[in-house]
Amino acid sequence: MKMNKEKFLKTEVGGELKSCIISWDKALDSCREHEYYTDEYKRNRKAADWCQAQWEVYKIVIRQFFGIEYNFTRTDEYFGLVTEGETDWLFKIDRQ
């Protein structure tokens, strides 16, 4: 099955996937802002772990239905889902 990225991201699954990735990025940023032994760090680490687990399921579904292997990537400038070699983005969000 060929993936139409725009249509996929407008579906409930696609919307929830994007929300998951945005939440994961925010949780990882919050982890960097707190010492590892604080309650705030532990909450954010738990949220990040939960998002990562959800992503692993989405990744399998996308690979199964569309035959595409996306990876989560994040830098100081952007984050999103992209194939190896950054040749095909499902979505990319620039930081402000």
Protein backbone atom coordinates (compact mmCIF):
# COMPACT_ATOMS: atom_id res chain seq x y z
CA MET A 1 0.00 0.00 0.00
CA LYS A 2 1.37 3.42 -0.92
CA MET A 3 1.38 6.03 1.82
CA ASN A 4 -0.16 9.43 1.27
CA LYS A 5 1.55 11.30 4.12
CA GLU A 6 -0.88 14.22 4.23
CA LYS A 7 -3.93 11.93 4.34
CA PHE A 8 -2.29 9.62 6.89
CA LEU A 9 -1.46 12.49 9.25
CA LYS A 10 -5.10 13.64 9.07
CA THR A 11 -6.37 10.25 10.26
CA GLU A 12 -6.92 9.53 13.94
CA VAL A 13 -3.87 7.24 13.98
CA GLY A 14 -1.69 9.80 12.20
CA GLY A 15 -2.84 12.61 14.48
CA GLU A 16 -2.19 10.55 17.61
CA LEU A 17 1.23 9.53 16.26
CA LYS A 18 2.21 13.16 15.70
CA SER A 19 0.92 14.10 19.15
CA CYS A 20 2.96 11.26 20.66
CA ILE A 21 6.16 12.43 18.95
CA ILE A 22 5.60 16.04 20.05
CA SER A 23 4.98 14.87 23.63
CA TRP A 24 8.08 12.68 23.52
CA ASP A 25 10.24 15.59 22.40
CA LYS A 26 8.83 17.84 25.14
CA ALA A 27 9.39 15.18 27.79
CA LEU A 28 13.00 14.68 26.68
CA ASP A 29 13.59 18.44 26.78
CA SER A 30 12.12 18.58 30.28
CA CYS A 31 14.40 15.75 31.41
CA ARG A 32 17.41 17.80 30.36
CA GLU A 33 16.20 20.71 32.48
CA HIS A 34 16.09 18.79 35.79
CA GLU A 35 18.52 16.82 37.91
CA TYR A 36 18.01 13.08 37.50
CA TYR A 37 17.11 12.50 41.16
CA THR A 38 14.22 15.01 41.31
CA ASP A 39 10.54 14.09 41.15
CA GLU A 40 10.14 16.36 38.12
CA TYR A 41 12.84 14.45 36.24
CA LYS A 42 11.27 11.11 37.17
CA ARG A 43 7.84 12.24 35.92
CA ASN A 44 9.28 13.47 32.64
CA ARG A 45 11.42 10.34 32.21
CA LYS A 46 8.33 8.18 32.74
CA ALA A 47 6.43 10.23 30.14
CA ALA A 48 9.33 9.96 27.69
CA ASP A 49 9.51 6.19 28.20
CA TRP A 50 5.76 5.89 27.62
CA CYS A 51 5.98 7.90 24.39
CA GLN A 52 8.89 5.79 23.19
CA ALA A 53 6.91 2.60 23.83
CA GLN A 54 3.96 4.02 21.88
CA TRP A 55 6.29 5.02 19.05
CA GLU A 56 7.64 1.48 18.80
CA VAL A 57 4.09 0.24 18.10
CA TYR A 58 3.40 3.00 15.55
CA LYS A 59 6.71 2.18 13.85
CA ILE A 60 5.71 -1.47 13.44
CA VAL A 61 2.30 -0.51 12.06
CA ILE A 62 3.79 1.88 9.49
CA ARG A 63 6.36 -0.71 8.42
CA GLN A 64 3.67 -3.44 8.18
CA PHE A 65 1.15 -1.43 6.18
CA PHE A 66 3.37 0.85 4.11
CA GLY A 67 6.77 -0.85 4.09
CA ILE A 68 8.50 2.31 5.30
CA GLU A 69 10.94 2.42 8.23
CA TYR A 70 10.77 5.84 9.90
CA ASN A 71 13.01 6.88 12.78
CA PHE A 72 12.57 9.53 15.43
CA THR A 73 15.17 12.27 15.16
CA ARG A 74 15.80 15.43 17.13
CA THR A 75 18.36 18.19 17.04
CA ASP A 76 18.55 21.70 18.44
CA GLU A 77 16.92 22.93 15.21
CA TYR A 78 14.15 20.37 14.56
CA PHE A 79 12.58 17.00 15.37
CA GLY A 80 10.33 14.55 13.57
CA LEU A 81 10.11 11.22 11.78
CA VAL A 82 12.43 10.46 8.90
CA THR A 83 13.87 7.53 6.98
CA GLU A 84 17.52 6.54 7.20
CA GLY A 85 19.69 9.11 5.44
CA GLU A 86 16.99 11.75 5.96
CA THR A 87 15.61 11.22 2.45
CA ASP A 88 11.90 10.97 3.33
CA TRP A 89 10.22 12.86 6.16
CA LEU A 90 6.81 11.83 7.48
CA PHE A 91 6.88 15.17 9.28
CA LYS A 92 9.49 17.63 10.51
CA ILE A 93 8.90 20.31 13.14
CA ASP A 94 11.30 23.22 13.29
CA ARG A 95 12.10 24.61 16.72
CA GLN A 96 11.49 28.28 17.36
